[in-house]
């Protein structure tokens, strides 16, 4: 069970968070708000990259 910290919870639900960020980006694109969509995709990309780097270090 996660220890209740933000980091532990974010790690546990990372897939769900990434999915929600993509849904937000898709919705923003439908509203012709491509810059805002790119912002949310950028957040998702940074989270995914951080997780990949953590795994590469053996975490």
PDB file of N, CA and C in Angstrom:
ATOM      1  N   UNK A   1       0.838  -1.183   0.000  1.00  0.00           N
ATOM      2  CA  UNK A   1       0.000   0.000   0.000  1.00  0.00           C
ATOM      3  C   UNK A   1       0.884   1.248   0.000  1.00  0.00           C
ATOM      4  N   UNK A   2       0.532   2.262  -0.795  1.00  0.00           N
ATOM      5  CA  UNK A   2       1.361   3.470  -0.837  1.00  0.00           C
ATOM      6  C   UNK A   2       1.376   4.165   0.519  1.00  0.00           C
ATOM      7  N   UNK A   3       2.446   4.922   0.760  1.00  0.00           N
ATOM      8  CA  UNK A   3       2.598   5.585   2.049  1.00  0.00           C
ATOM      9  C   UNK A   3       1.786   6.870   2.182  1.00  0.00           C
ATOM     10  N   UNK A   4       1.007   7.225   1.193  1.00  0.00           N
ATOM     11  CA  UNK A   4       0.144   8.395   1.272  1.00  0.00           C
ATOM     12  C   UNK A   4       0.779   9.691   0.819  1.00  0.00           C
ATOM     13  N   UNK A   5       2.032   9.647   0.397  1.00  0.00           N
ATOM     14  CA  UNK A   5       2.650  10.861  -0.117  1.00  0.00           C
ATOM     15  C   UNK A   5       2.161  11.112  -1.536  1.00  0.00           C
ATOM     16  N   UNK A   6       2.305  12.346  -1.962  1.00  0.00           N
ATOM     17  CA  UNK A   6       1.897  12.702  -3.323  1.00  0.00           C
ATOM     18  C   UNK A   6       2.646  11.843  -4.335  1.00  0.00           C
ATOM     19  N   UNK A   7       3.961  11.696  -4.144  1.00  0.00           N
ATOM     20  CA  UNK A   7       4.766  10.915  -5.080  1.00  0.00           C
ATOM     21  C   UNK A   7       4.329   9.466  -5.154  1.00  0.00           C
ATOM     22  N   UNK A   8       4.047   8.869  -3.999  1.00  0.00           N
ATOM     23  CA  UNK A   8       3.630   7.466  -3.978  1.00  0.00           C
ATOM     24  C   UNK A   8       2.279   7.289  -4.658  1.00  0.00           C
ATOM     25  N   UNK A   9       1.360   8.205  -4.400  1.00  0.00           N
ATOM     26  CA  UNK A   9       0.045   8.106  -5.031  1.00  0.00           C
ATOM     27  C   UNK A   9       0.128   8.358  -6.531  1.00  0.00           C
ATOM     28  N   UNK A  10       0.937   9.331  -6.930  1.00  0.00           N
ATOM     29  CA  UNK A  10       1.101   9.610  -8.358  1.00  0.00           C
ATOM     30  C   UNK A  10       1.707   8.408  -9.069  1.00  0.00           C
ATOM     31  N   UNK A  11       2.672   7.757  -8.419  1.00  0.00           N
ATOM     32  CA  UNK A  11       3.272   6.569  -9.022  1.00  0.00           C
ATOM     33  C   UNK A  11       2.244   5.450  -9.165  1.00  0.00           C
ATOM     34  N   UNK A  12       1.447   5.254  -8.123  1.00  0.00           N
ATOM     35  CA  UNK A  12       0.435   4.201  -8.146  1.00  0.00           C
ATOM     36  C   UNK A  12      -0.582   4.424  -9.267  1.00  0.00           C
ATOM     37  N   UNK A  13      -0.985   5.682  -9.451  1.00  0.00           N
ATOM     38  CA  UNK A  13      -2.033   5.997 -10.428  1.00  0.00           C
ATOM     39  C   UNK A  13      -1.505   6.666 -11.690  1.00  0.00           C
ATOM     40  N   UNK A  14      -0.237   6.486 -11.995  1.00  0.00           N
ATOM     41  CA  UNK A  14       0.365   7.177 -13.134  1.00  0.00           C
ATOM     42  C   UNK A  14      -0.367   6.891 -14.444  1.00  0.00           C
ATOM     43  N   UNK A  15      -0.712   5.662 -14.692  1.00  0.00           N
ATOM     44  CA  UNK A  15      -1.436   5.330 -15.922  1.00  0.00           C
ATOM     45  C   UNK A  15      -2.750   6.080 -16.028  1.00  0.00           C
ATOM     46  N   UNK A  16      -3.482   6.147 -14.939  1.00  0.00           N
ATOM     47  CA  UNK A  16      -4.754   6.868 -14.921  1.00  0.00           C
ATOM     48  C   UNK A  16      -4.542   8.368 -15.132  1.00  0.00           C
ATOM     49  N   UNK A  17      -3.494   8.900 -14.524  1.00  0.00           N
ATOM     50  CA  UNK A  17      -3.184  10.325 -14.672  1.00  0.00           C
ATOM     51  C   UNK A  17      -2.835  10.640 -16.118  1.00  0.00           C
ATOM     52  N   UNK A  18      -2.007   9.799 -16.730  1.00  0.00           N
ATOM     53  CA  UNK A  18      -1.628  10.017 -18.133  1.00  0.00           C
ATOM     54  C   UNK A  18      -2.847   9.937 -19.048  1.00  0.00           C
ATOM     55  N   UNK A  19      -3.727   8.995 -18.781  1.00  0.00           N
ATOM     56  CA  UNK A  19      -4.952   8.846 -19.569  1.00  0.00           C
ATOM     57  C   UNK A  19      -5.815  10.105 -19.430  1.00  0.00           C
ATOM     58  N   UNK A  20      -5.981  10.603 -18.212  1.00  0.00           N
ATOM     59  CA  UNK A  20      -6.798  11.796 -17.990  1.00  0.00           C
ATOM     60  C   UNK A  20      -6.188  13.023 -18.672  1.00  0.00           C
ATOM     61  N   UNK A  21      -4.866  13.135 -18.635  1.00  0.00           N
ATOM     62  CA  UNK A  21      -4.217  14.248 -19.314  1.00  0.00           C
ATOM     63  C   UNK A  21      -4.441  14.183 -20.824  1.00  0.00           C
ATOM     64  N   UNK A  22      -4.404  12.990 -21.392  1.00  0.00           N
ATOM     65  CA  UNK A  22      -4.651  12.853 -22.827  1.00  0.00           C
ATOM     66  C   UNK A  22      -6.103  13.182 -23.164  1.00  0.00           C
ATOM     67  N   UNK A  23      -7.040  12.761 -22.323  1.00  0.00           N
ATOM     68  CA  UNK A  23      -8.444  13.117 -22.554  1.00  0.00           C
ATOM     69  C   UNK A  23      -8.629  14.632 -22.516  1.00  0.00           C
ATOM     70  N   UNK A  24      -7.955  15.278 -21.579  1.00  0.00           N
ATOM     71  CA  UNK A  24      -8.029  16.737 -21.511  1.00  0.00           C
ATOM     72  C   UNK A  24      -7.464  17.358 -22.786  1.00  0.00           C
ATOM     73  N   UNK A  25      -6.339  16.832 -23.251  1.00  0.00           N
ATOM     74  CA  UNK A  25      -5.718  17.357 -24.470  1.00  0.00           C
ATOM     75  C   UNK A  25      -6.635  17.160 -25.678  1.00  0.00           C
ATOM     76  N   UNK A  26      -7.247  16.000 -25.776  1.00  0.00           N
ATOM     77  CA  UNK A  26      -8.165  15.745 -26.897  1.00  0.00           C
ATOM     78  C   UNK A  26      -9.352  16.703 -26.864  1.00  0.00           C
ATOM     79  N   UNK A  27      -9.889  16.926 -25.678  1.00  0.00           N
ATOM     80  CA  UNK A  27     -11.007  17.857 -25.535  1.00  0.00           C
ATOM     81  C   UNK A  27     -10.595  19.267 -25.943  1.00  0.00           C
ATOM     82  N   UNK A  28      -9.420  19.686 -25.526  1.00  0.00           N
ATOM     83  CA  UNK A  28      -8.931  21.015 -25.877  1.00  0.00           C
ATOM     84  C   UNK A  28      -8.705  21.145 -27.377  1.00  0.00           C
ATOM     85  N   UNK A  29      -8.211  20.085 -28.014  1.00  0.00           N
ATOM     86  CA  UNK A  29      -8.034  20.120 -29.472  1.00  0.00           C
ATOM     87  C   UNK A  29      -9.367  20.299 -30.175  1.00  0.00           C
ATOM     88  N   UNK A  30     -10.413  19.637 -29.670  1.00  0.00           N
ATOM     89  CA  UNK A  30     -11.742  19.767 -30.266  1.00  0.00           C
ATOM     90  C   UNK A  30     -12.267  21.198 -30.145  1.00  0.00           C
ATOM     91  N   UNK A  31     -11.771  21.907 -29.157  1.00  0.00           N
ATOM     92  CA  UNK A  31     -12.157  23.300 -28.957  1.00  0.00           C
ATOM     93  C   UNK A  31     -11.206  24.268 -29.677  1.00  0.00           C
ATOM     94  N   UNK A  32     -10.358  23.730 -30.557  1.00  0.00           N
ATOM     95  CA  UNK A  32      -9.348  24.513 -31.279  1.00  0.00           C
ATOM     96  C   UNK A  32      -8.412  25.255 -30.318  1.00  0.00           C
ATOM     97  N   UNK A  33      -8.036  24.597 -29.241  1.00  0.00           N
ATOM     98  CA  UNK A  33      -7.102  25.168 -28.265  1.00  0.00           C
ATOM     99  C   UNK A  33      -5.837  24.312 -28.264  1.00  0.00           C
ATOM    100  N   UNK A  34      -5.160  24.300 -29.397  1.00  0.00           N
ATOM    101  CA  UNK A  34      -4.017  23.410 -29.580  1.00  0.00           C
ATOM    102  C   UNK A  34      -2.848  23.734 -28.648  1.00  0.00           C
ATOM    103  N   UNK A  35      -2.639  24.994 -28.326  1.00  0.00           N
ATOM    104  CA  UNK A  35      -1.550  25.338 -27.399  1.00  0.00           C
ATOM    105  C   UNK A  35      -1.816  24.780 -26.009  1.00  0.00           C
ATOM    106  N   UNK A  36      -3.054  24.850 -25.571  1.00  0.00           N
ATOM    107  CA  UNK A  36      -3.411  24.293 -24.267  1.00  0.00           C
ATOM    108  C   UNK A  36      -3.281  22.769 -24.274  1.00  0.00           C
ATOM    109  N   UNK A  37      -3.690  22.146 -25.378  1.00  0.00           N
ATOM    110  CA  UNK A  37      -3.558  20.695 -25.503  1.00  0.00           C
ATOM    111  C   UNK A  37      -2.092  20.284 -25.439  1.00  0.00           C
ATOM    112  N   UNK A  38      -1.243  21.039 -26.101  1.00  0.00           N
ATOM    113  CA  UNK A  38       0.189  20.740 -26.083  1.00  0.00           C
ATOM    114  C   UNK A  38       0.756  20.878 -24.671  1.00  0.00           C
ATOM    115  N   UNK A  39       0.258  21.830 -23.913  1.00  0.00           N
ATOM    116  CA  UNK A  39       0.701  22.009 -22.536  1.00  0.00           C
ATOM    117  C   UNK A  39       0.421  20.749 -21.717  1.00  0.00           C
ATOM    118  N   UNK A  40      -0.802  20.210 -21.814  1.00  0.00           N
ATOM    119  CA  UNK A  40      -1.153  19.015 -21.049  1.00  0.00           C
ATOM    120  C   UNK A  40      -0.402  17.785 -21.545  1.00  0.00           C
ATOM    121  N   UNK A  41      -0.181  17.702 -22.829  1.00  0.00           N
ATOM    122  CA  UNK A  41       0.624  16.590 -23.349  1.00  0.00           C
ATOM    123  C   UNK A  41       2.076  16.711 -22.875  1.00  0.00           C
ATOM    124  N   UNK A  42       2.554  17.927 -22.743  1.00  0.00           N
ATOM    125  CA  UNK A  42       3.900  18.133 -22.223  1.00  0.00           C
ATOM    126  C   UNK A  42       4.029  17.654 -20.787  1.00  0.00           C
ATOM    127  N   UNK A  43       3.014  17.913 -19.980  1.00  0.00           N
ATOM    128  CA  UNK A  43       3.012  17.408 -18.606  1.00  0.00           C
ATOM    129  C   UNK A  43       3.059  15.882 -18.616  1.00  0.00           C
ATOM    130  N   UNK A  44       2.220  15.275 -19.434  1.00  0.00           N
ATOM    131  CA  UNK A  44       2.187  13.813 -19.512  1.00  0.00           C
ATOM    132  C   UNK A  44       3.528  13.254 -19.970  1.00  0.00           C
ATOM    133  N   UNK A  45       4.129  13.891 -20.942  1.00  0.00           N
ATOM    134  CA  UNK A  45       5.419  13.432 -21.449  1.00  0.00           C
ATOM    135  C   UNK A  45       6.490  13.496 -20.356  1.00  0.00           C
ATOM    136  N   UNK A  46       6.502  14.574 -19.603  1.00  0.00           N
ATOM    137  CA  UNK A  46       7.497  14.709 -18.522  1.00  0.00           C
ATOM    138  C   UNK A  46       7.279  13.671 -17.434  1.00  0.00           C
ATOM    139  N   UNK A  47       6.043  13.389 -17.101  1.00  0.00           N
ATOM    140  CA  UNK A  47       5.755  12.348 -16.105  1.00  0.00           C
ATOM    141  C   UNK A  47       6.209  10.982 -16.607  1.00  0.00           C
ATOM    142  N   UNK A  48       5.906  10.682 -17.863  1.00  0.00           N
ATOM    143  CA  UNK A  48       6.305   9.392 -18.436  1.00  0.00           C
ATOM    144  C   UNK A  48       7.824   9.275 -18.518  1.00  0.00           C
ATOM    145  N   UNK A  49       8.492  10.351 -18.903  1.00  0.00           N
ATOM    146  CA  UNK A  49       9.957  10.320 -18.967  1.00  0.00           C
ATOM    147  C   UNK A  49      10.570  10.132 -17.588  1.00  0.00           C
ATOM    148  N   UNK A  50       9.997  10.786 -16.589  1.00  0.00           N
ATOM    149  CA  UNK A  50      10.511  10.642 -15.220  1.00  0.00           C
ATOM    150  C   UNK A  50      10.345   9.206 -14.747  1.00  0.00           C
ATOM    151  N   UNK A  51       9.221   8.600 -15.073  1.00  0.00           N
ATOM    152  CA  UNK A  51       9.006   7.199 -14.682  1.00  0.00           C
ATOM    153  C   UNK A  51       9.987   6.288 -15.402  1.00  0.00           C
ATOM    154  N   UNK A  52      10.231   6.532 -16.674  1.00  0.00           N
ATOM    155  CA  UNK A  52      11.185   5.731 -17.427  1.00  0.00           C
ATOM    156  C   UNK A  52      12.594   5.861 -16.864  1.00  0.00           C
ATOM    157  N   UNK A  53      12.977   7.066 -16.488  1.00  0.00           N
ATOM    158  CA  UNK A  53      14.301   7.285 -15.909  1.00  0.00           C
ATOM    159  C   UNK A  53      14.421   6.589 -14.567  1.00  0.00           C
ATOM    160  N   UNK A  54      13.344   6.618 -13.802  1.00  0.00           N
ATOM    161  CA  UNK A  54      13.333   5.937 -12.503  1.00  0.00           C
ATOM    162  C   UNK A  54      13.505   4.430 -12.681  1.00  0.00           C
ATOM    163  N   UNK A  55      12.817   3.881 -13.631  1.00  0.00           N
ATOM    164  CA  UNK A  55      12.940   2.433 -13.891  1.00  0.00           C
ATOM    165  C   UNK A  55      14.341   2.071 -14.372  1.00  0.00           C
ATOM    166  N   UNK A  56      14.932   2.936 -15.186  1.00  0.00           N
ATOM    167  CA  UNK A  56      16.289   2.679 -15.690  1.00  0.00           C
ATOM    168  C   UNK A  56      17.299   2.656 -14.548  1.00  0.00           C
ATOM    169  N   UNK A  57      17.031   3.450 -13.503  1.00  0.00           N
ATOM    170  CA  UNK A  57      17.910   3.460 -12.339  1.00  0.00           C
ATOM    171  C   UNK A  57      17.636   2.288 -11.408  1.00  0.00           C
ATOM    172  N   UNK A  58      16.614   1.493 -11.726  1.00  0.00           N
ATOM    173  CA  UNK A  58      16.294   0.324 -10.909  1.00  0.00           C
ATOM    174  C   UNK A  58      15.195   0.556  -9.887  1.00  0.00           C
ATOM    175  N   UNK A  59      14.449   1.632 -10.066  1.00  0.00           N
ATOM    176  CA  UNK A  59      13.390   1.956  -9.100  1.00  0.00           C
ATOM    177  C   UNK A  59      12.078   1.329  -9.391  1.00  0.00           C
TER     178      UNK A  59
END
